[in-house]
C-alpha cells in the first residue's frame, strides 16, 4: 500500500496526454441559508492541505462566481492553464511538499490577464491534469450545518468551527489514458470543504479538509487531509462582466428535510 500511496502523491502533484478539447462538464450550485459575503467576481483559490507534518500539497483553481436571476450565487471553474511562472512554482512546491503562495506580482498579472489564459485542452496525467466530469458546489450558513453536514468527523468539525459560512466542492473526474508501465493512480473524485473565517475586500481565508477517492484495481482508496486555504479576488463582478461565456448547467435545488 505504501507504493500506491507514493504513486498517488505523484499523481496529485501533477495524472498521458489526451489530445483535443476538454469535454464539457456539468456544474451545479446549491445554497443553504444566508451567506454573509458578496462573493461575486473572479477568484484564485489556493488550497493547501497538510499531507504530513510541515509537508503540503498546493491546489490552485480559478473560480468565477456570478449571480443568478433568483439572486443566489453560481460557481464556475475556469479550466485554464496558469501563467508559466506560477505553474512552475506550484509544481516545484508540490514536488518538494513545500508551502506556496502567489506573489504580489503574480496576483497583479493574474488580475490583468485571467480572462486571456489558455484553456487546458490537452490533458496530461503526468502533469497533474484532471478531466472534469461534474462539479457540485454547496454554500452553507452555520445554522444549517447540522442539516447539511449530518456526519462530522474530527477534521470536519475543526474546519466548521468558528466559520462564518462554508463551501463544499465535489469534483468528479473522467479517466485519462495512462502511459505504458505507469505507476500513477488516477483520482475518481475530490471533495473539499472550506470553512471561511477571515475576510477582507480582496482576500478570504480559513480552514479546509480535502478528501480524495482514487480508483484502484481492487477497491477505492480514500484519503483525507486538512489544512488552510486562501481566496484572492482577481476581479469584481463588474470587472468580470461578460468575459466568461455562459455554460449550460442545471442548478440543484436546496436540500431540505
C-alpha atoms as a PDB file:
ATOM      1  CA  UNK A   1       0.000   0.000   0.000  1.00  0.00           C
ATOM      2  CA  UNK A   2       2.950   2.305   0.646  1.00  0.00           C
ATOM      3  CA  UNK A   3       3.919   2.149  -3.029  1.00  0.00           C
ATOM      4  CA  UNK A   4       0.421   3.026  -4.170  1.00  0.00           C
ATOM      5  CA  UNK A   5       0.232   5.933  -1.733  1.00  0.00           C
ATOM      6  CA  UNK A   6       3.508   7.254  -3.083  1.00  0.00           C
ATOM      7  CA  UNK A   7       2.269   6.932  -6.635  1.00  0.00           C
ATOM      8  CA  UNK A   8      -0.919   8.776  -5.739  1.00  0.00           C
ATOM      9  CA  UNK A   9       1.106  11.651  -4.279  1.00  0.00           C
ATOM     10  CA  UNK A  10       2.889  11.946  -7.612  1.00  0.00           C
ATOM     11  CA  UNK A  11      -0.452  11.990  -9.383  1.00  0.00           C
ATOM     12  CA  UNK A  12      -1.760  14.689  -7.077  1.00  0.00           C
ATOM     13  CA  UNK A  13       1.185  16.914  -7.815  1.00  0.00           C
ATOM     14  CA  UNK A  14       0.852  16.829 -11.263  1.00  0.00           C
ATOM     15  CA  UNK A  15      -2.336  12.488 -13.829  1.00  0.00           C
ATOM     16  CA  UNK A  16      -0.587  10.733 -20.809  1.00  0.00           C
ATOM     17  CA  UNK A  17      -1.881  13.151 -22.954  1.00  0.00           C
ATOM     18  CA  UNK A  18      -5.496  13.463 -24.055  1.00  0.00           C
ATOM     19  CA  UNK A  19      -5.466  15.313 -27.343  1.00  0.00           C
ATOM     20  CA  UNK A  20      -8.192  17.714 -28.347  1.00  0.00           C
ATOM     21  CA  UNK A  21     -10.602  19.895 -26.462  1.00  0.00           C
ATOM     22  CA  UNK A  22     -11.722  19.085 -22.945  1.00  0.00           C
ATOM     23  CA  UNK A  23     -15.272  17.692 -22.873  1.00  0.00           C
ATOM     24  CA  UNK A  24     -17.857  19.942 -21.243  1.00  0.00           C
ATOM     25  CA  UNK A  25     -18.677  19.215 -17.619  1.00  0.00           C
ATOM     26  CA  UNK A  26     -21.815  19.860 -15.597  1.00  0.00           C
ATOM     27  CA  UNK A  27     -21.780  22.293 -12.673  1.00  0.00           C
ATOM     28  CA  UNK A  28     -24.423  22.937 -10.021  1.00  0.00           C
ATOM     29  CA  UNK A  29     -24.596  25.415  -7.137  1.00  0.00           C
ATOM     30  CA  UNK A  30     -26.735  24.906  -4.038  1.00  0.00           C
ATOM     31  CA  UNK A  31     -27.180  27.435  -1.228  1.00  0.00           C
ATOM     32  CA  UNK A  32     -28.424  26.624   2.297  1.00  0.00           C
ATOM     33  CA  UNK A  33     -29.064  29.669   4.488  1.00  0.00           C
ATOM     34  CA  UNK A  34     -27.925  33.279   4.120  1.00  0.00           C
ATOM     35  CA  UNK A  35     -24.304  33.804   3.110  1.00  0.00           C
ATOM     36  CA  UNK A  36     -22.898  36.961   4.777  1.00  0.00           C
ATOM     37  CA  UNK A  37     -20.470  37.968   1.991  1.00  0.00           C
ATOM     38  CA  UNK A  38     -20.992  39.042  -1.614  1.00  0.00           C
ATOM     39  CA  UNK A  39     -18.823  36.519  -3.435  1.00  0.00           C
ATOM     40  CA  UNK A  40     -19.445  37.731  -6.976  1.00  0.00           C
ATOM     41  CA  UNK A  41     -16.333  38.108  -9.084  1.00  0.00           C
ATOM     42  CA  UNK A  42     -13.275  36.121 -10.108  1.00  0.00           C
ATOM     43  CA  UNK A  43     -11.126  34.383  -7.504  1.00  0.00           C
ATOM     44  CA  UNK A  44      -7.877  32.456  -7.253  1.00  0.00           C
ATOM     45  CA  UNK A  45      -8.469  29.683  -4.720  1.00  0.00           C
ATOM     46  CA  UNK A  46      -5.295  28.206  -3.218  1.00  0.00           C
ATOM     47  CA  UNK A  47      -5.934  25.160  -1.031  1.00  0.00           C
ATOM     48  CA  UNK A  48      -3.020  23.742   0.979  1.00  0.00           C
ATOM     49  CA  UNK A  49      -3.780  20.523   2.821  1.00  0.00           C
ATOM     50  CA  UNK A  50      -1.024  19.221   5.092  1.00  0.00           C
ATOM     51  CA  UNK A  51      -0.169  15.701   3.934  1.00  0.00           C
ATOM     52  CA  UNK A  52       2.360  15.138   6.739  1.00  0.00           C
ATOM     53  CA  UNK A  53       3.882  17.321   9.438  1.00  0.00           C
ATOM     54  CA  UNK A  54       5.066  20.505   7.697  1.00  0.00           C
ATOM     55  CA  UNK A  55       4.517  18.877   4.296  1.00  0.00           C
ATOM     56  CA  UNK A  56       1.927  20.365   1.958  1.00  0.00           C
ATOM     57  CA  UNK A  57       0.175  19.956  -1.352  1.00  0.00           C
ATOM     58  CA  UNK A  58      -0.996  23.057  -3.223  1.00  0.00           C
ATOM     59  CA  UNK A  59      -4.152  23.101  -5.351  1.00  0.00           C
ATOM     60  CA  UNK A  60      -4.752  26.406  -7.204  1.00  0.00           C
ATOM     61  CA  UNK A  61      -8.009  26.949  -9.085  1.00  0.00           C
ATOM     62  CA  UNK A  62      -9.718  29.893 -10.771  1.00  0.00           C
ATOM     63  CA  UNK A  63     -13.384  30.407  -9.904  1.00  0.00           C
ATOM     64  CA  UNK A  64     -15.961  32.741 -11.408  1.00  0.00           C
ATOM     65  CA  UNK A  65     -18.904  33.465  -9.108  1.00  0.00           C
ATOM     66  CA  UNK A  66     -21.909  35.139 -10.702  1.00  0.00           C
ATOM     67  CA  UNK A  67     -25.456  35.935  -9.585  1.00  0.00           C
ATOM     68  CA  UNK A  68     -28.465  34.129 -10.981  1.00  0.00           C
ATOM     69  CA  UNK A  69     -31.888  35.676 -11.601  1.00  0.00           C
ATOM     70  CA  UNK A  70     -33.096  34.433  -8.212  1.00  0.00           C
ATOM     71  CA  UNK A  71     -30.264  36.339  -6.518  1.00  0.00           C
ATOM     72  CA  UNK A  72     -28.321  33.245  -5.490  1.00  0.00           C
ATOM     73  CA  UNK A  73     -24.641  32.819  -6.399  1.00  0.00           C
ATOM     74  CA  UNK A  74     -23.499  30.393  -9.081  1.00  0.00           C
ATOM     75  CA  UNK A  75     -19.970  28.952  -9.299  1.00  0.00           C
ATOM     76  CA  UNK A  76     -17.952  28.115 -12.393  1.00  0.00           C
ATOM     77  CA  UNK A  77     -14.447  26.626 -12.530  1.00  0.00           C
ATOM     78  CA  UNK A  78     -12.200  28.080 -15.227  1.00  0.00           C
ATOM     79  CA  UNK A  79     -10.369  25.043 -16.643  1.00  0.00           C
ATOM     80  CA  UNK A  80      -7.372  27.027 -17.895  1.00  0.00           C
ATOM     81  CA  UNK A  81      -3.583  26.968 -17.780  1.00  0.00           C
ATOM     82  CA  UNK A  82      -1.985  29.158 -15.131  1.00  0.00           C
ATOM     83  CA  UNK A  83       0.820  31.506 -16.195  1.00  0.00           C
ATOM     84  CA  UNK A  84       4.038  29.554 -16.826  1.00  0.00           C
ATOM     85  CA  UNK A  85       5.985  31.008 -13.893  1.00  0.00           C
ATOM     86  CA  UNK A  86       3.195  30.306 -11.447  1.00  0.00           C
ATOM     87  CA  UNK A  87       2.619  26.772 -12.750  1.00  0.00           C
ATOM     88  CA  UNK A  88       6.355  26.039 -12.465  1.00  0.00           C
ATOM     89  CA  UNK A  89       6.476  27.294  -8.879  1.00  0.00           C
ATOM     90  CA  UNK A  90       3.431  25.239  -7.868  1.00  0.00           C
ATOM     91  CA  UNK A  91       4.960  22.112  -9.435  1.00  0.00           C
ATOM     92  CA  UNK A  92       8.273  22.677  -7.646  1.00  0.00           C
ATOM     93  CA  UNK A  93       6.484  23.228  -4.339  1.00  0.00           C
ATOM     94  CA  UNK A  94       4.416  20.080  -4.772  1.00  0.00           C
ATOM     95  CA  UNK A  95       7.461  18.025  -5.772  1.00  0.00           C
ATOM     96  CA  UNK A  96       9.157  19.030  -2.516  1.00  0.00           C
ATOM     97  CA  UNK A  97       5.926  19.175  -0.472  1.00  0.00           C
ATOM     98  CA  UNK A  98       6.669  22.795   0.418  1.00  0.00           C
ATOM     99  CA  UNK A  99       4.224  25.588   1.179  1.00  0.00           C
ATOM    100  CA  UNK A 100       3.453  28.058  -1.625  1.00  0.00           C
ATOM    101  CA  UNK A 101       1.631  31.352  -2.044  1.00  0.00           C
ATOM    102  CA  UNK A 102       1.380  33.678  -5.059  1.00  0.00           C
ATOM    103  CA  UNK A 103       3.498  36.812  -5.014  1.00  0.00           C
ATOM    104  CA  UNK A 104       2.021  40.289  -5.297  1.00  0.00           C
ATOM    105  CA  UNK A 105       3.457  40.496  -8.819  1.00  0.00           C
ATOM    106  CA  UNK A 106       1.820  37.201  -9.828  1.00  0.00           C
ATOM    107  CA  UNK A 107      -1.538  38.307  -8.442  1.00  0.00           C
ATOM    108  CA  UNK A 108      -1.277  41.595 -10.311  1.00  0.00           C
ATOM    109  CA  UNK A 109      -0.525  39.720 -13.544  1.00  0.00           C
ATOM    110  CA  UNK A 110      -3.497  37.425 -12.966  1.00  0.00           C
ATOM    111  CA  UNK A 111      -5.776  40.387 -12.364  1.00  0.00           C
ATOM    112  CA  UNK A 112      -4.721  41.813 -15.709  1.00  0.00           C
ATOM    113  CA  UNK A 113      -4.820  38.597 -17.706  1.00  0.00           C
ATOM    114  CA  UNK A 114      -7.095  35.997 -16.100  1.00  0.00           C
ATOM    115  CA  UNK A 115      -9.654  36.229 -18.926  1.00  0.00           C
ATOM    116  CA  UNK A 116      -6.963  35.555 -21.540  1.00  0.00           C
ATOM    117  CA  UNK A 117      -5.482  32.406 -20.011  1.00  0.00           C
ATOM    118  CA  UNK A 118      -5.479  29.488 -22.489  1.00  0.00           C
ATOM    119  CA  UNK A 119      -7.963  26.653 -21.882  1.00  0.00           C
ATOM    120  CA  UNK A 120      -6.494  23.396 -20.590  1.00  0.00           C
ATOM    121  CA  UNK A 121      -7.386  21.454 -23.705  1.00  0.00           C
ATOM    122  CA  UNK A 122      -4.634  18.828 -23.867  1.00  0.00           C
ATOM    123  CA  UNK A 123      -4.750  16.878 -20.614  1.00  0.00           C
ATOM    124  CA  UNK A 124      -1.532  15.346 -19.279  1.00  0.00           C
ATOM    125  CA  UNK A 125      -1.834  12.875 -16.406  1.00  0.00           C
ATOM    126  CA  UNK A 126       1.823  13.158 -15.506  1.00  0.00           C
ATOM    127  CA  UNK A 127       1.482  16.943 -15.200  1.00  0.00           C
ATOM    128  CA  UNK A 128      -1.403  16.635 -12.736  1.00  0.00           C
ATOM    129  CA  UNK A 129      -4.274  17.418 -15.097  1.00  0.00           C
ATOM    130  CA  UNK A 130      -7.833  16.271 -14.476  1.00  0.00           C
ATOM    131  CA  UNK A 131     -10.657  15.725 -16.965  1.00  0.00           C
ATOM    132  CA  UNK A 132     -13.695  17.108 -15.168  1.00  0.00           C
ATOM    133  CA  UNK A 133     -16.976  15.228 -15.470  1.00  0.00           C
ATOM    134  CA  UNK A 134     -19.075  17.141 -12.933  1.00  0.00           C
ATOM    135  CA  UNK A 135     -18.567  19.734 -10.192  1.00  0.00           C
ATOM    136  CA  UNK A 136     -21.083  20.430  -7.428  1.00  0.00           C
ATOM    137  CA  UNK A 137     -20.777  23.474  -5.159  1.00  0.00           C
ATOM    138  CA  UNK A 138     -22.698  23.908  -1.912  1.00  0.00           C
ATOM    139  CA  UNK A 139     -22.647  27.084   0.196  1.00  0.00           C
ATOM    140  CA  UNK A 140     -23.939  26.695   3.743  1.00  0.00           C
ATOM    141  CA  UNK A 141     -24.595  29.121   6.595  1.00  0.00           C
ATOM    142  CA  UNK A 142     -23.659  27.925  10.125  1.00  0.00           C
ATOM    143  CA  UNK A 143     -27.258  27.488  11.262  1.00  0.00           C
ATOM    144  CA  UNK A 144     -27.680  24.856   8.544  1.00  0.00           C
ATOM    145  CA  UNK A 145     -24.523  22.867   9.382  1.00  0.00           C
ATOM    146  CA  UNK A 146     -26.346  20.187  11.454  1.00  0.00           C
ATOM    147  CA  UNK A 147     -28.641  19.530   8.486  1.00  0.00           C
ATOM    148  CA  UNK A 148     -26.144  19.694   5.637  1.00  0.00           C
ATOM    149  CA  UNK A 149     -23.238  18.044   7.475  1.00  0.00           C
ATOM    150  CA  UNK A 150     -25.151  15.365   9.373  1.00  0.00           C
ATOM    151  CA  UNK A 151     -21.973  13.322   9.856  1.00  0.00           C
ATOM    152  CA  UNK A 152     -18.966  15.264  11.120  1.00  0.00           C
ATOM    153  CA  UNK A 153     -15.657  13.610  11.921  1.00  0.00           C
ATOM    154  CA  UNK A 154     -12.910  15.350  13.892  1.00  0.00           C
ATOM    155  CA  UNK A 155     -11.369  17.033  10.839  1.00  0.00           C
ATOM    156  CA  UNK A 156     -14.667  18.381   9.536  1.00  0.00           C
ATOM    157  CA  UNK A 157     -15.714  19.664  12.959  1.00  0.00           C
ATOM    158  CA  UNK A 158     -12.437  21.563  13.189  1.00  0.00           C
ATOM    159  CA  UNK A 159     -12.968  23.146   9.765  1.00  0.00           C
ATOM    160  CA  UNK A 160     -16.543  24.211  10.508  1.00  0.00           C
ATOM    161  CA  UNK A 161     -15.829  25.547  13.994  1.00  0.00           C
ATOM    162  CA  UNK A 162     -15.739  29.353  14.178  1.00  0.00           C
ATOM    163  CA  UNK A 163     -16.524  29.648  10.469  1.00  0.00           C
ATOM    164  CA  UNK A 164     -18.964  32.269   9.217  1.00  0.00           C
ATOM    165  CA  UNK A 165     -20.043  30.047   6.290  1.00  0.00           C
ATOM    166  CA  UNK A 166     -18.710  27.080   4.342  1.00  0.00           C
ATOM    167  CA  UNK A 167     -18.252  25.907   0.775  1.00  0.00           C
ATOM    168  CA  UNK A 168     -18.251  22.252  -0.217  1.00  0.00           C
ATOM    169  CA  UNK A 169     -16.889  21.383  -3.662  1.00  0.00           C
ATOM    170  CA  UNK A 170     -17.236  17.889  -5.119  1.00  0.00           C
ATOM    171  CA  UNK A 171     -15.196  17.346  -8.286  1.00  0.00           C
ATOM    172  CA  UNK A 172     -15.755  14.150 -10.268  1.00  0.00           C
ATOM    173  CA  UNK A 173     -13.180  13.203 -12.909  1.00  0.00           C
ATOM    174  CA  UNK A 174     -13.151  11.250 -16.146  1.00  0.00           C
ATOM    175  CA  UNK A 175     -10.382   8.695 -16.559  1.00  0.00           C
ATOM    176  CA  UNK A 176      -7.470   9.703 -18.765  1.00  0.00           C
ATOM    177  CA  UNK A 177      -5.366   7.248 -20.783  1.00  0.00           C
ATOM    178  CA  UNK A 178      -2.195   6.231 -18.939  1.00  0.00           C
ATOM    179  CA  UNK A 179       1.279   5.714 -20.377  1.00  0.00           C
ATOM    180  CA  UNK A 180       2.600   2.159 -20.555  1.00  0.00           C
ATOM    181  CA  UNK A 181       4.062   0.908 -17.263  1.00  0.00           C
ATOM    182  CA  UNK A 182       2.727   3.960 -15.425  1.00  0.00           C
ATOM    183  CA  UNK A 183       2.706   3.812 -11.627  1.00  0.00           C
ATOM    184  CA  UNK A 184       0.279   6.736 -11.246  1.00  0.00           C
ATOM    185  CA  UNK A 185      -3.085   6.113  -9.609  1.00  0.00           C
ATOM    186  CA  UNK A 186      -5.789   8.341 -11.052  1.00  0.00           C
ATOM    187  CA  UNK A 187      -8.354  10.093  -8.925  1.00  0.00           C
ATOM    188  CA  UNK A 188     -12.068   9.476  -9.318  1.00  0.00           C
ATOM    189  CA  UNK A 189     -13.282  12.264  -7.032  1.00  0.00           C
ATOM    190  CA  UNK A 190     -12.098  15.102  -4.815  1.00  0.00           C
ATOM    191  CA  UNK A 191     -14.312  16.507  -2.069  1.00  0.00           C
ATOM    192  CA  UNK A 192     -13.267  19.712  -0.320  1.00  0.00           C
ATOM    193  CA  UNK A 193     -14.936  21.627   2.498  1.00  0.00           C
ATOM    194  CA  UNK A 194     -13.792  25.199   3.149  1.00  0.00           C
ATOM    195  CA  UNK A 195     -14.670  26.948   6.413  1.00  0.00           C
ATOM    196  CA  UNK A 196     -14.422  30.733   5.948  1.00  0.00           C
ATOM    197  CA  UNK A 197     -13.080  32.612   8.968  1.00  0.00           C
ATOM    198  CA  UNK A 198     -11.341  35.828   7.889  1.00  0.00           C
ATOM    199  CA  UNK A 199     -12.492  38.205   5.166  1.00  0.00           C
ATOM    200  CA  UNK A 200     -11.368  41.461   3.596  1.00  0.00           C
ATOM    201  CA  UNK A 201     -12.234  43.144   0.314  1.00  0.00           C
ATOM    202  CA  UNK A 202      -9.710  41.097  -1.642  1.00  0.00           C
ATOM    203  CA  UNK A 203      -8.813  38.050   0.483  1.00  0.00           C
ATOM    204  CA  UNK A 204     -10.812  35.282   2.142  1.00  0.00           C
ATOM    205  CA  UNK A 205      -9.126  32.761   4.444  1.00  0.00           C
ATOM    206  CA  UNK A 206      -9.962  29.779   6.570  1.00  0.00           C
ATOM    207  CA  UNK A 207      -9.526  26.084   7.238  1.00  0.00           C
ATOM    208  CA  UNK A 208     -10.220  23.243   4.841  1.00  0.00           C
ATOM    209  CA  UNK A 209     -10.347  19.490   4.588  1.00  0.00           C
ATOM    210  CA  UNK A 210      -9.855  17.692   1.294  1.00  0.00           C
ATOM    211  CA  UNK A 211     -10.796  14.065   0.648  1.00  0.00           C
ATOM    212  CA  UNK A 212      -9.695  12.055  -2.371  1.00  0.00           C
ATOM    213  CA  UNK A 213     -11.152   8.902  -3.824  1.00  0.00           C
ATOM    214  CA  UNK A 214      -8.709   7.028  -6.035  1.00  0.00           C
ATOM    215  CA  UNK A 215      -9.662   4.230  -8.404  1.00  0.00           C
ATOM    216  CA  UNK A 216      -7.538   1.205  -7.562  1.00  0.00           C
ATOM    217  CA  UNK A 217      -7.796  -2.236  -9.198  1.00  0.00           C
ATOM    218  CA  UNK A 218      -9.462  -3.879  -6.199  1.00  0.00           C
ATOM    219  CA  UNK A 219     -11.005  -1.116  -4.106  1.00  0.00           C
ATOM    220  CA  UNK A 220     -11.161   2.680  -3.919  1.00  0.00           C
ATOM    221  CA  UNK A 221      -8.546   4.324  -1.712  1.00  0.00           C
ATOM    222  CA  UNK A 222      -9.909   7.232   0.350  1.00  0.00           C
ATOM    223  CA  UNK A 223      -7.560   9.904   1.716  1.00  0.00           C
ATOM    224  CA  UNK A 224      -8.336  12.985   3.802  1.00  0.00           C
ATOM    225  CA  UNK A 225      -6.010  15.892   4.537  1.00  0.00           C
ATOM    226  CA  UNK A 226      -6.722  19.130   6.376  1.00  0.00           C
ATOM    227  CA  UNK A 227      -5.031  22.498   6.213  1.00  0.00           C
ATOM    228  CA  UNK A 228      -5.624  26.100   5.243  1.00  0.00           C
ATOM    229  CA  UNK A 229      -6.854  27.936   2.170  1.00  0.00           C
ATOM    230  CA  UNK A 230      -6.807  31.450   0.759  1.00  0.00           C
ATOM    231  CA  UNK A 231      -9.016  33.010  -1.906  1.00  0.00           C
ATOM    232  CA  UNK A 232      -7.655  36.069  -3.740  1.00  0.00           C
ATOM    233  CA  UNK A 233     -10.129  38.294  -5.572  1.00  0.00           C
ATOM    234  CA  UNK A 234      -8.919  38.939  -9.116  1.00  0.00           C
ATOM    235  CA  UNK A 235     -11.905  40.867 -10.414  1.00  0.00           C
ATOM    236  CA  UNK A 236     -15.181  42.261  -9.144  1.00  0.00           C
ATOM    237  CA  UNK A 237     -18.488  41.270 -10.675  1.00  0.00           C
ATOM    238  CA  UNK A 238     -18.472  44.484 -12.723  1.00  0.00           C
ATOM    239  CA  UNK A 239     -14.894  43.942 -13.894  1.00  0.00           C
ATOM    240  CA  UNK A 240     -15.618  40.333 -14.847  1.00  0.00           C
ATOM    241  CA  UNK A 241     -18.581  41.441 -16.934  1.00  0.00           C
ATOM    242  CA  UNK A 242     -19.258  39.144 -19.851  1.00  0.00           C
ATOM    243  CA  UNK A 243     -15.685  37.903 -20.170  1.00  0.00           C
ATOM    244  CA  UNK A 244     -16.768  34.384 -19.237  1.00  0.00           C
ATOM    245  CA  UNK A 245     -19.143  32.682 -21.677  1.00  0.00           C
ATOM    246  CA  UNK A 246     -22.361  31.228 -20.365  1.00  0.00           C
ATOM    247  CA  UNK A 247     -22.288  27.483 -19.785  1.00  0.00           C
ATOM    248  CA  UNK A 248     -25.338  25.221 -19.751  1.00  0.00           C
ATOM    249  CA  UNK A 249     -25.657  23.836 -16.254  1.00  0.00           C
ATOM    250  CA  UNK A 250     -28.530  22.856 -14.054  1.00  0.00           C
ATOM    251  CA  UNK A 251     -28.934  24.461 -10.695  1.00  0.00           C
ATOM    252  CA  UNK A 252     -29.585  21.944  -7.961  1.00  0.00           C
ATOM    253  CA  UNK A 253     -32.486  22.633  -5.586  1.00  0.00           C
ATOM    254  CA  UNK A 254     -31.668  23.388  -1.986  1.00  0.00           C
ATOM    255  CA  UNK A 255     -31.700  20.265   0.122  1.00  0.00           C
ATOM    256  CA  UNK A 256     -34.445  20.242   2.727  1.00  0.00           C
ATOM    257  CA  UNK A 257     -35.800  17.669   5.128  1.00  0.00           C
END
